[in-house]
Structure formats: structure tokens, C-alpha cells
Amino acid sequence: MAITNLNPVDARRIVSKRRCSDCWEVLQEHYDEHTRTSTVSCSTPDCPCRGHVSAEFVENALVESRQKRKEVERALGESEAVAWIPRPVRRSQAAILAELGY
């Protein structure tokens, strides 16, 4: 879904602060010299781009996703359910302090 007939200043503001809601990629601005208006659309080819979300939302979602991935990898590594995820190495408090030089 492209946003059409925008003032170029508004289009630049949208491009700088918003992302595609489907693929989370950046938006791009297309300026039409004849009508002196801009159109904002997704930069990914063939993306349906059904809306826009804030760049802050995308960054927060990515951080949350990385945290969940770490938790899942830790849990799967401990359970040895998936062979290619290494089992976490457990060290005692004394070993950690010795590593740090205490």
C-alpha cells in the first residue's frame, strides 16, 4: 500500500520514522515532478506493504526476538533435544572468580 499525493517534506518524515509492516524494511520516496507530490512505498520488490509501523516498534521487536532466541537455544541446549545446539558449559562461582583473577 503506497501513500500517494504527499508533500515531499511529509514524505521524508514518514520515510525516516516508519517501516513496512509486512517485511519491516525501510520505505522509499518517489517524487513526481509534474504534480510536485511524493509517493511512499516499501523498498522490497513484490512486498504487499499493507501498512506502516514505527522504526522504534521494529527495533523493540527485534531485540525481543533475539532475547527469545537466546532463551530457546539455552533451553534446547540443556535438554539436548537438538544435537546441533551445544550444551551450555556450567562453571562454578570459584572457577569464574579464578578466571577473573580473584
PDB file of N, CA and C in Angstrom:
ATOM      1  N   MET A   1       0.850  -1.175   0.000  1.00  0.00           N
ATOM      2  CA  MET A   1       0.000   0.000   0.000  1.00  0.00           C
ATOM      3  C   MET A   1       0.892   1.234   0.000  1.00  0.00           C
ATOM      4  N   ALA A   2       0.872   1.926  -1.053  1.00  0.00           N
ATOM      5  CA  ALA A   2       1.656   3.149  -1.166  1.00  0.00           C
ATOM      6  C   ALA A   2       0.817   4.334  -0.694  1.00  0.00           C
ATOM      7  N   ILE A   3       1.471   5.280  -0.082  1.00  0.00           N
ATOM      8  CA  ILE A   3       0.820   6.523   0.315  1.00  0.00           C
ATOM      9  C   ILE A   3       1.120   7.524  -0.786  1.00  0.00           C
ATOM     10  N   THR A   4       0.087   8.071  -1.395  1.00  0.00           N
ATOM     11  CA  THR A   4       0.276   8.951  -2.552  1.00  0.00           C
ATOM     12  C   THR A   4      -0.085  10.393  -2.230  1.00  0.00           C
ATOM     13  N   ASN A   5       0.290  11.288  -3.138  1.00  0.00           N
ATOM     14  CA  ASN A   5      -0.031  12.715  -3.074  1.00  0.00           C
ATOM     15  C   ASN A   5       0.410  13.370  -1.779  1.00  0.00           C
ATOM     16  N   LEU A   6       1.628  13.067  -1.373  1.00  0.00           N
ATOM     17  CA  LEU A   6       2.173  13.659  -0.147  1.00  0.00           C
ATOM     18  C   LEU A   6       3.038  14.864  -0.476  1.00  0.00           C
ATOM     19  N   ASN A   7       3.046  15.795   0.435  1.00  0.00           N
ATOM     20  CA  ASN A   7       4.005  16.876   0.387  1.00  0.00           C
ATOM     21  C   ASN A   7       5.385  16.226   0.562  1.00  0.00           C
ATOM     22  N   PRO A   8       6.406  16.601  -0.209  1.00  0.00           N
ATOM     23  CA  PRO A   8       7.728  15.971  -0.091  1.00  0.00           C
ATOM     24  C   PRO A   8       8.323  16.013   1.316  1.00  0.00           C
ATOM     25  N   VAL A   9       8.045  17.075   2.055  1.00  0.00           N
ATOM     26  CA  VAL A   9       8.553  17.176   3.431  1.00  0.00           C
ATOM     27  C   VAL A   9       7.908  16.105   4.304  1.00  0.00           C
ATOM     28  N   ASP A  10       6.602  15.925   4.162  1.00  0.00           N
ATOM     29  CA  ASP A  10       5.905  14.891   4.919  1.00  0.00           C
ATOM     30  C   ASP A  10       6.388  13.503   4.511  1.00  0.00           C
ATOM     31  N   ALA A  11       6.637  13.317   3.226  1.00  0.00           N
ATOM     32  CA  ALA A  11       7.116  12.021   2.742  1.00  0.00           C
ATOM     33  C   ALA A  11       8.474  11.687   3.345  1.00  0.00           C
ATOM     34  N   ARG A  12       9.369  12.651   3.405  1.00  0.00           N
ATOM     35  CA  ARG A  12      10.688  12.417   4.008  1.00  0.00           C
ATOM     36  C   ARG A  12      10.577  12.093   5.483  1.00  0.00           C
ATOM     37  N   ARG A  13       9.653  12.736   6.174  1.00  0.00           N
ATOM     38  CA  ARG A  13       9.440  12.454   7.596  1.00  0.00           C
ATOM     39  C   ARG A  13       8.948  11.024   7.778  1.00  0.00           C
ATOM     40  N   ILE A  14       8.013  10.589   6.940  1.00  0.00           N
ATOM     41  CA  ILE A  14       7.484   9.227   7.022  1.00  0.00           C
ATOM     42  C   ILE A  14       8.588   8.214   6.734  1.00  0.00           C
ATOM     43  N   VAL A  15       9.376   8.470   5.688  1.00  0.00           N
ATOM     44  CA  VAL A  15      10.449   7.547   5.309  1.00  0.00           C
ATOM     45  C   VAL A  15      11.479   7.417   6.432  1.00  0.00           C
ATOM     46  N   SER A  16      11.750   8.504   7.140  1.00  0.00           N
ATOM     47  CA  SER A  16      12.774   8.454   8.190  1.00  0.00           C
ATOM     48  C   SER A  16      12.293   7.792   9.481  1.00  0.00           C
ATOM     49  N   LYS A  17      10.982   7.779   9.728  1.00  0.00           N
ATOM     50  CA  LYS A  17      10.485   7.281  11.014  1.00  0.00           C
ATOM     51  C   LYS A  17       9.619   6.035  10.935  1.00  0.00           C
ATOM     52  N   ARG A  18       9.322   5.558   9.744  1.00  0.00           N
ATOM     53  CA  ARG A  18       8.400   4.424   9.589  1.00  0.00           C
ATOM     54  C   ARG A  18       9.064   3.292   8.818  1.00  0.00           C
ATOM     55  N   ARG A  19       8.509   2.070   8.979  1.00  0.00           N
ATOM     56  CA  ARG A  19       8.967   0.883   8.254  1.00  0.00           C
ATOM     57  C   ARG A  19       7.748   0.142   7.727  1.00  0.00           C
ATOM     58  N   CYS A  20       7.964  -0.722   6.757  1.00  0.00           N
ATOM     59  CA  CYS A  20       6.885  -1.545   6.200  1.00  0.00           C
ATOM     60  C   CYS A  20       6.379  -2.496   7.281  1.00  0.00           C
ATOM     61  N   SER A  21       5.077  -2.649   7.405  1.00  0.00           N
ATOM     62  CA  SER A  21       4.519  -3.528   8.437  1.00  0.00           C
ATOM     63  C   SER A  21       4.624  -4.998   8.066  1.00  0.00           C
ATOM     64  N   ASP A  22       4.869  -5.317   6.793  1.00  0.00           N
ATOM     65  CA  ASP A  22       4.970  -6.720   6.381  1.00  0.00           C
ATOM     66  C   ASP A  22       6.397  -7.252   6.482  1.00  0.00           C
ATOM     67  N   CYS A  23       7.371  -6.506   5.967  1.00  0.00           N
ATOM     68  CA  CYS A  23       8.748  -7.019   5.936  1.00  0.00           C
ATOM     69  C   CYS A  23       9.695  -6.238   6.853  1.00  0.00           C
ATOM     70  N   TRP A  24       9.238  -5.157   7.449  1.00  0.00           N
ATOM     71  CA  TRP A  24       9.997  -4.311   8.360  1.00  0.00           C
ATOM     72  C   TRP A  24      11.186  -3.628   7.697  1.00  0.00           C
ATOM     73  N   GLU A  25      11.194  -3.585   6.372  1.00  0.00           N
ATOM     74  CA  GLU A  25      12.272  -2.894   5.657  1.00  0.00           C
ATOM     75  C   GLU A  25      11.949  -1.404   5.550  1.00  0.00           C
ATOM     76  N   VAL A  26      12.936  -0.638   5.126  1.00  0.00           N
ATOM     77  CA  VAL A  26      12.763   0.811   5.005  1.00  0.00           C
ATOM     78  C   VAL A  26      11.792   1.146   3.880  1.00  0.00           C
ATOM     79  N   LEU A  27      11.211   2.311   3.980  1.00  0.00           N
ATOM     80  CA  LEU A  27      10.313   2.829   2.944  1.00  0.00           C
ATOM     81  C   LEU A  27      11.113   3.730   2.020  1.00  0.00           C
ATOM     82  N   GLN A  28      10.599   3.948   0.833  1.00  0.00           N
ATOM     83  CA  GLN A  28      11.271   4.843  -0.099  1.00  0.00           C
ATOM     84  C   GLN A  28      10.293   5.871  -0.653  1.00  0.00           C
ATOM     85  N   GLU A  29      10.840   7.001  -1.022  1.00  0.00           N
ATOM     86  CA  GLU A  29      10.034   8.099  -1.548  1.00  0.00           C
ATOM     87  C   GLU A  29      10.253   8.215  -3.055  1.00  0.00           C
ATOM     88  N   HIS A  30       9.169   8.421  -3.790  1.00  0.00           N
ATOM     89  CA  HIS A  30       9.224   8.664  -5.230  1.00  0.00           C
ATOM     90  C   HIS A  30       8.590  10.033  -5.476  1.00  0.00           C
ATOM     91  N   TYR A  31       9.358  10.937  -6.047  1.00  0.00           N
ATOM     92  CA  TYR A  31       8.874  12.294  -6.296  1.00  0.00           C
ATOM     93  C   TYR A  31       8.404  12.425  -7.744  1.00  0.00           C
ATOM     94  N   ASP A  32       7.222  12.984  -7.926  1.00  0.00           N
ATOM     95  CA  ASP A  32       6.668  13.230  -9.265  1.00  0.00           C
ATOM     96  C   ASP A  32       6.812  14.723  -9.567  1.00  0.00           C
ATOM     97  N   GLU A  33       7.646  15.040 -10.545  1.00  0.00           N
ATOM     98  CA  GLU A  33       7.915  16.445 -10.876  1.00  0.00           C
ATOM     99  C   GLU A  33       6.702  17.158 -11.454  1.00  0.00           C
ATOM    100  N   HIS A  34       5.820  16.428 -12.127  1.00  0.00           N
ATOM    101  CA  HIS A  34       4.656  17.063 -12.761  1.00  0.00           C
ATOM    102  C   HIS A  34       3.636  17.514 -11.722  1.00  0.00           C
ATOM    103  N   THR A  35       3.358  16.666 -10.745  1.00  0.00           N
ATOM    104  CA  THR A  35       2.367  17.027  -9.724  1.00  0.00           C
ATOM    105  C   THR A  35       3.004  17.640  -8.485  1.00  0.00           C
ATOM    106  N   ARG A  36       4.342  17.563  -8.416  1.00  0.00           N
ATOM    107  CA  ARG A  36       5.093  18.059  -7.258  1.00  0.00           C
ATOM    108  C   ARG A  36       4.639  17.411  -5.955  1.00  0.00           C
ATOM    109  N   THR A  37       4.327  16.129  -6.046  1.00  0.00           N
ATOM    110  CA  THR A  37       3.955  15.360  -4.855  1.00  0.00           C
ATOM    111  C   THR A  37       4.838  14.124  -4.785  1.00  0.00           C
ATOM    112  N   SER A  38       4.829  13.497  -3.632  1.00  0.00           N
ATOM    113  CA  SER A  38       5.629  12.297  -3.415  1.00  0.00           C
ATOM    114  C   SER A  38       4.741  11.110  -3.093  1.00  0.00           C
ATOM    115  N   THR A  39       5.252   9.936  -3.401  1.00  0.00           N
ATOM    116  CA  THR A  39       4.608   8.678  -3.050  1.00  0.00           C
ATOM    117  C   THR A  39       5.586   7.885  -2.193  1.00  0.00           C
ATOM    118  N   VAL A  40       5.096   7.307  -1.107  1.00  0.00           N
ATOM    119  CA  VAL A  40       5.930   6.495  -0.220  1.00  0.00           C
ATOM    120  C   VAL A  40       5.493   5.043  -0.345  1.00  0.00           C
ATOM    121  N   SER A  41       6.470   4.163  -0.564  1.00  0.00           N
ATOM    122  CA  SER A  41       6.173   2.733  -0.688  1.00  0.00           C
ATOM    123  C   SER A  41       7.322   1.920  -0.102  1.00  0.00           C
ATOM    124  N   CYS A  42       7.120   0.612   0.006  1.00  0.00           N
ATOM    125  CA  CYS A  42       8.135  -0.289   0.537  1.00  0.00           C
ATOM    126  C   CYS A  42       9.271  -0.434  -0.478  1.00  0.00           C
ATOM    127  N   SER A  43      10.485  -0.588   0.029  1.00  0.00           N
ATOM    128  CA  SER A  43      11.640  -0.730  -0.859  1.00  0.00           C
ATOM    129  C   SER A  43      11.867  -2.178  -1.296  1.00  0.00           C
ATOM    130  N   THR A  44      11.128  -3.129  -0.723  1.00  0.00           N
ATOM    131  CA  THR A  44      11.273  -4.534  -1.081  1.00  0.00           C
ATOM    132  C   THR A  44      10.399  -4.862  -2.285  1.00  0.00           C
ATOM    133  N   PRO A  45      10.987  -5.422  -3.342  1.00  0.00           N
ATOM    134  CA  PRO A  45      10.173  -5.776  -4.504  1.00  0.00           C
ATOM    135  C   PRO A  45       9.126  -6.834  -4.153  1.00  0.00           C
ATOM    136  N   ASP A  46       7.949  -6.723  -4.717  1.00  0.00           N
ATOM    137  CA  ASP A  46       6.846  -7.678  -4.541  1.00  0.00           C
ATOM    138  C   ASP A  46       6.310  -7.768  -3.113  1.00  0.00           C
ATOM    139  N   CYS A  47       6.644  -6.828  -2.252  1.00  0.00           N
ATOM    140  CA  CYS A  47       6.095  -6.826  -0.893  1.00  0.00           C
ATOM    141  C   CYS A  47       4.695  -6.219  -0.947  1.00  0.00           C
ATOM    142  N   PRO A  48       3.696  -6.858  -0.305  1.00  0.00           N
ATOM    143  CA  PRO A  48       2.341  -6.295  -0.350  1.00  0.00           C
ATOM    144  C   PRO A  48       2.222  -4.974   0.402  1.00  0.00           C
ATOM    145  N   CYS A  49       3.092  -4.734   1.365  1.00  0.00           N
ATOM    146  CA  CYS A  49       3.129  -3.480   2.138  1.00  0.00           C
ATOM    147  C   CYS A  49       1.722  -3.017   2.506  1.00  0.00           C
ATOM    148  N   ARG A  50       1.107  -3.731   3.425  1.00  0.00           N
ATOM    149  CA  ARG A  50      -0.270  -3.426   3.816  1.00  0.00           C
ATOM    150  C   ARG A  50      -0.374  -2.327   4.857  1.00  0.00           C
ATOM    151  N   GLY A  51       0.758  -1.751   5.229  1.00  0.00           N
ATOM    152  CA  GLY A  51       0.729  -0.664   6.199  1.00  0.00           C
ATOM    153  C   GLY A  51       2.133  -0.292   6.626  1.00  0.00           C
ATOM    154  N   HIS A  52       2.205   0.565   7.652  1.00  0.00           N
ATOM    155  CA  HIS A  52       3.491   1.041   8.144  1.00  0.00           C
ATOM    156  C   HIS A  52       3.505   0.981   9.663  1.00  0.00           C
ATOM    157  N   VAL A  53       4.678   0.748  10.223  1.00  0.00           N
ATOM    158  CA  VAL A  53       4.869   0.762  11.673  1.00  0.00           C
ATOM    159  C   VAL A  53       6.060   1.662  11.971  1.00  0.00           C
ATOM    160  N   SER A  54       6.182   2.065  13.215  1.00  0.00           N
ATOM    161  CA  SER A  54       7.294   2.948  13.570  1.00  0.00           C
ATOM    162  C   SER A  54       8.606   2.162  13.585  1.00  0.00           C
ATOM    163  N   ALA A  55       9.686   2.868  13.295  1.00  0.00           N
ATOM    164  CA  ALA A  55      11.010   2.252  13.336  1.00  0.00           C
ATOM    165  C   ALA A  55      11.321   1.789  14.756  1.00  0.00           C
ATOM    166  N   GLU A  56      10.831   2.503  15.752  1.00  0.00           N
ATOM    167  CA  GLU A  56      11.036   2.127  17.155  1.00  0.00           C
ATOM    168  C   GLU A  56      10.374   0.778  17.455  1.00  0.00           C
ATOM    169  N   PHE A  57       9.165   0.562  16.928  1.00  0.00           N
ATOM    170  CA  PHE A  57       8.483  -0.721  17.105  1.00  0.00           C
ATOM    171  C   PHE A  57       9.324  -1.856  16.531  1.00  0.00           C
ATOM    172  N   VAL A  58       9.868  -1.651  15.330  1.00  0.00           N
ATOM    173  CA  VAL A  58      10.679  -2.683  14.679  1.00  0.00           C
ATOM    174  C   VAL A  58      11.915  -2.995  15.518  1.00  0.00           C
ATOM    175  N   GLU A  59      12.610  -1.977  16.004  1.00  0.00           N
ATOM    176  CA  GLU A  59      13.812  -2.199  16.810  1.00  0.00           C
ATOM    177  C   GLU A  59      13.484  -2.947  18.096  1.00  0.00           C
ATOM    178  N   ASN A  60      12.398  -2.563  18.769  1.00  0.00           N
ATOM    179  CA  ASN A  60      11.995  -3.251  20.000  1.00  0.00           C
ATOM    180  C   ASN A  60      11.616  -4.702  19.727  1.00  0.00           C
ATOM    181  N   ALA A  61      10.910  -4.956  18.637  1.00  0.00           N
ATOM    182  CA  ALA A  61      10.522  -6.324  18.280  1.00  0.00           C
ATOM    183  C   ALA A  61      11.745  -7.179  17.972  1.00  0.00           C
ATOM    184  N   LEU A  62      12.740  -6.603  17.314  1.00  0.00           N
ATOM    185  CA  LEU A  62      13.962  -7.351  17.004  1.00  0.00           C
ATOM    186  C   LEU A  62      14.743  -7.684  18.267  1.00  0.00           C
ATOM    187  N   VAL A  63      14.818  -6.748  19.199  1.00  0.00           N
ATOM    188  CA  VAL A  63      15.508  -7.007  20.475  1.00  0.00           C
ATOM    189  C   VAL A  63      14.794  -8.128  21.227  1.00  0.00           C
ATOM    190  N   GLU A  64      13.473  -8.056  21.300  1.00  0.00           N
ATOM    191  CA  GLU A  64      12.693  -9.091  21.983  1.00  0.00           C
ATOM    192  C   GLU A  64      12.881 -10.450  21.307  1.00  0.00           C
ATOM    193  N   SER A  65      12.914 -10.453  19.992  1.00  0.00           N
ATOM    194  CA  SER A  65      13.091 -11.690  19.239  1.00  0.00           C
ATOM    195  C   SER A  65      14.460 -12.313  19.526  1.00  0.00           C
ATOM    196  N   ARG A  66      15.498 -11.497  19.588  1.00  0.00           N
ATOM    197  CA  ARG A  66      16.844 -12.012  19.899  1.00  0.00           C
ATOM    198  C   ARG A  66      16.893 -12.597  21.305  1.00  0.00           C
ATOM    199  N   GLN A  67      16.233 -11.938  22.253  1.00  0.00           N
ATOM    200  CA  GLN A  67      16.208 -12.451  23.628  1.00  0.00           C
ATOM    201  C   GLN A  67      15.501 -13.797  23.686  1.00  0.00           C
ATOM    202  N   LYS A  68      14.374 -13.918  22.997  1.00  0.00           N
ATOM    203  CA  LYS A  68      13.649 -15.189  22.979  1.00  0.00           C
ATOM    204  C   LYS A  68      14.477 -16.286  22.330  1.00  0.00           C
ATOM    205  N   ARG A  69      15.200 -15.942  21.270  1.00  0.00           N
ATOM    206  CA  ARG A  69      16.049 -16.941  20.608  1.00  0.00           C
ATOM    207  C   ARG A  69      17.109 -17.461  21.563  1.00  0.00           C
ATOM    208  N   LYS A  70      17.743 -16.567  22.315  1.00  0.00           N
ATOM    209  CA  LYS A  70      18.760 -16.990  23.284  1.00  0.00           C
ATOM    210  C   LYS A  70      18.161 -17.916  24.331  1.00  0.00           C
ATOM    211  N   GLU A  71      16.959 -17.587  24.816  1.00  0.00           N
ATOM    212  CA  GLU A  71      16.298 -18.421  25.820  1.00  0.00           C
ATOM    213  C   GLU A  71      15.995 -19.808  25.262  1.00  0.00           C
ATOM    214  N   VAL A  72      15.499 -19.853  24.039  1.00  0.00           N
ATOM    215  CA  VAL A  72      15.160 -21.142  23.414  1.00  0.00           C
ATOM    216  C   VAL A  72      16.419 -21.960  23.178  1.00  0.00           C
ATOM    217  N   GLU A  73      17.480 -21.328  22.678  1.00  0.00           N
ATOM    218  CA  GLU A  73      18.726 -22.056  22.451  1.00  0.00           C
ATOM    219  C   GLU A  73      19.294 -22.592  23.757  1.00  0.00           C
ATOM    220  N   ARG A  74      19.200 -21.812  24.831  1.00  0.00           N
ATOM    221  CA  ARG A  74      19.696 -22.278  26.131  1.00  0.00           C
ATOM    222  C   ARG A  74      18.885 -23.478  26.607  1.00  0.00           C
ATOM    223  N   ALA A  75      17.552 -23.370  26.506  1.00  0.00           N
ATOM    224  CA  ALA A  75      16.691 -24.461  26.964  1.00  0.00           C
ATOM    225  C   ALA A  75      16.912 -25.726  26.128  1.00  0.00           C
ATOM    226  N   LEU A  76      17.023 -25.584  24.819  1.00  0.00           N
ATOM    227  CA  LEU A  76      17.243 -26.746  23.963  1.00  0.00           C
ATOM    228  C   LEU A  76      18.630 -27.343  24.172  1.00  0.00           C
ATOM    229  N   GLY A  77      19.619 -26.481  24.421  1.00  0.00           N
ATOM    230  CA  GLY A  77      20.972 -26.972  24.691  1.00  0.00           C
ATOM    231  C   GLY A  77      21.029 -27.773  25.981  1.00  0.00           C
ATOM    232  N   GLU A  78      20.331 -27.297  27.005  1.00  0.00           N
ATOM    233  CA  GLU A  78      20.296 -28.014  28.287  1.00  0.00           C
ATOM    234  C   GLU A  78      19.578 -29.341  28.169  1.00  0.00           C
ATOM    235  N   SER A  79      18.522 -29.390  27.377  1.00  0.00           N
ATOM    236  CA  SER A  79      17.738 -30.621  27.255  1.00  0.00           C
ATOM    237  C   SER A  79      18.354 -31.610  26.263  1.00  0.00           C
ATOM    238  N   GLU A  80      19.327 -31.131  25.475  1.00  0.00           N
ATOM    239  CA  GLU A  80      19.970 -31.943  24.428  1.00  0.00           C
ATOM    240  C   GLU A  80      18.952 -32.478  23.425  1.00  0.00           C
ATOM    241  N   ALA A  81      17.865 -31.747  23.231  1.00  0.00           N
ATOM    242  CA  ALA A  81      16.815 -32.158  22.298  1.00  0.00           C
ATOM    243  C   ALA A  81      17.245 -31.962  20.841  1.00  0.00           C
ATOM    244  N   VAL A  82      18.109 -30.996  20.617  1.00  0.00           N
ATOM    245  CA  VAL A  82      18.591 -30.724  19.264  1.00  0.00           C
ATOM    246  C   VAL A  82      20.109 -30.848  19.286  1.00  0.00           C
ATOM    247  N   ALA A  83      20.626 -31.773  18.476  1.00  0.00           N
ATOM    248  CA  ALA A  83      22.054 -32.107  18.539  1.00  0.00           C
ATOM    249  C   ALA A  83      22.967 -30.945  18.138  1.00  0.00           C
ATOM    250  N   TRP A  84      22.551 -30.101  17.221  1.00  0.00           N
ATOM    251  CA  TRP A  84      23.433 -29.051  16.731  1.00  0.00           C
ATOM    252  C   TRP A  84      23.508 -27.828  17.630  1.00  0.00           C
ATOM    253  N   ILE A  85      22.680 -27.774  18.689  1.00  0.00           N
ATOM    254  CA  ILE A  85      22.779 -26.681  19.657  1.00  0.00           C
ATOM    255  C   ILE A  85      23.656 -27.170  20.799  1.00  0.00           C
ATOM    256  N   PRO A  86      24.803 -26.535  21.029  1.00  0.00           N
ATOM    257  CA  PRO A  86      25.725 -27.022  22.053  1.00  0.00           C
ATOM    258  C   PRO A  86      25.155 -26.873  23.462  1.00  0.00           C
ATOM    259  N   ARG A  87      25.522 -27.821  24.291  1.00  0.00           N
ATOM    260  CA  ARG A  87      25.120 -27.784  25.690  1.00  0.00           C
ATOM    261  C   ARG A  87      25.896 -26.668  26.376  1.00  0.00           C
ATOM    262  N   PRO A  88      25.228 -25.824  27.173  1.00  0.00           N
ATOM    263  CA  PRO A  88      25.938 -24.736  27.841  1.00  0.00           C
ATOM    264  C   PRO A  88      26.932 -25.276  28.873  1.00  0.00           C
ATOM    265  N   VAL A  89      28.073 -24.612  28.974  1.00  0.00           N
ATOM    266  CA  VAL A  89      29.103 -25.011  29.926  1.00  0.00           C
ATOM    267  C   VAL A  89      28.777 -24.361  31.264  1.00  0.00           C
ATOM    268  N   ARG A  90      28.631 -25.186  32.281  1.00  0.00           N
ATOM    269  CA  ARG A  90      28.363 -24.679  33.634  1.00  0.00           C
ATOM    270  C   ARG A  90      29.680 -24.560  34.386  1.00  0.00           C
ATOM    271  N   ARG A  91      29.939 -23.388  34.937  1.00  0.00           N
ATOM    272  CA  ARG A  91      31.141 -23.183  35.729  1.00  0.00           C
ATOM    273  C   ARG A  91      30.744 -22.775  37.132  1.00  0.00           C
ATOM    274  N   SER A  92      31.551 -23.174  38.074  1.00  0.00           N
ATOM    275  CA  SER A  92      31.269 -22.812  39.464  1.00  0.00           C
ATOM    276  C   SER A  92      31.651 -21.351  39.692  1.00  0.00           C
ATOM    277  N   GLN A  93      31.165 -20.822  40.797  1.00  0.00           N
ATOM    278  CA  GLN A  93      31.498 -19.437  41.138  1.00  0.00           C
ATOM    279  C   GLN A  93      32.991 -19.300  41.341  1.00  0.00           C
ATOM    280  N   ALA A  94      33.611 -20.297  41.951  1.00  0.00           N
ATOM    281  CA  ALA A  94      35.057 -20.252  42.192  1.00  0.00           C
ATOM    282  C   ALA A  94      35.827 -20.231  40.859  1.00  0.00           C
ATOM    283  N   ALA A  95      35.365 -21.002  39.869  1.00  0.00           N
ATOM    284  CA  ALA A  95      36.050 -21.028  38.580  1.00  0.00           C
ATOM    285  C   ALA A  95      35.933 -19.670  37.873  1.00  0.00           C
ATOM    286  N   ILE A  96      34.764 -19.058  37.956  1.00  0.00           N
ATOM    287  CA  ILE A  96      34.561 -17.753  37.329  1.00  0.00           C
ATOM    288  C   ILE A  96      35.458 -16.709  37.999  1.00  0.00           C
ATOM    289  N   LEU A  97      35.503 -16.709  39.323  1.00  0.00           N
ATOM    290  CA  LEU A  97      36.349 -15.756  40.038  1.00  0.00           C
ATOM    291  C   LEU A  97      37.823 -15.995  39.726  1.00  0.00           C
ATOM    292  N   ALA A  98      38.226 -17.247  39.591  1.00  0.00           N
ATOM    293  CA  ALA A  98      39.614 -17.557  39.245  1.00  0.00           C
ATOM    294  C   ALA A  98      39.952 -17.032  37.853  1.00  0.00           C
ATOM    295  N   GLU A  99      39.023 -17.165  36.927  1.00  0.00           N
ATOM    296  CA  GLU A  99      39.215 -16.624  35.574  1.00  0.00           C
ATOM    297  C   GLU A  99      39.411 -15.111  35.591  1.00  0.00           C
ATOM    298  N   LEU A 100      38.692 -14.459  36.482  1.00  0.00           N
ATOM    299  CA  LEU A 100      38.769 -13.007  36.594  1.00  0.00           C
ATOM    300  C   LEU A 100      39.980 -12.554  37.407  1.00  0.00           C
ATOM    301  N   GLY A 101      40.702 -13.499  37.991  1.00  0.00           N
ATOM    302  CA  GLY A 101      41.918 -13.164  38.734  1.00  0.00           C
ATOM    303  C   GLY A 101      41.720 -12.910  40.212  1.00  0.00           C
ATOM    304  N   TYR A 102      40.647 -13.388  40.773  1.00  0.00           N
ATOM    305  CA  TYR A 102      40.387 -13.191  42.213  1.00  0.00           C
ATOM    306  C   TYR A 102      40.718 -14.437  42.983  1.00  0.00           C
TER     307      TYR A 102
END
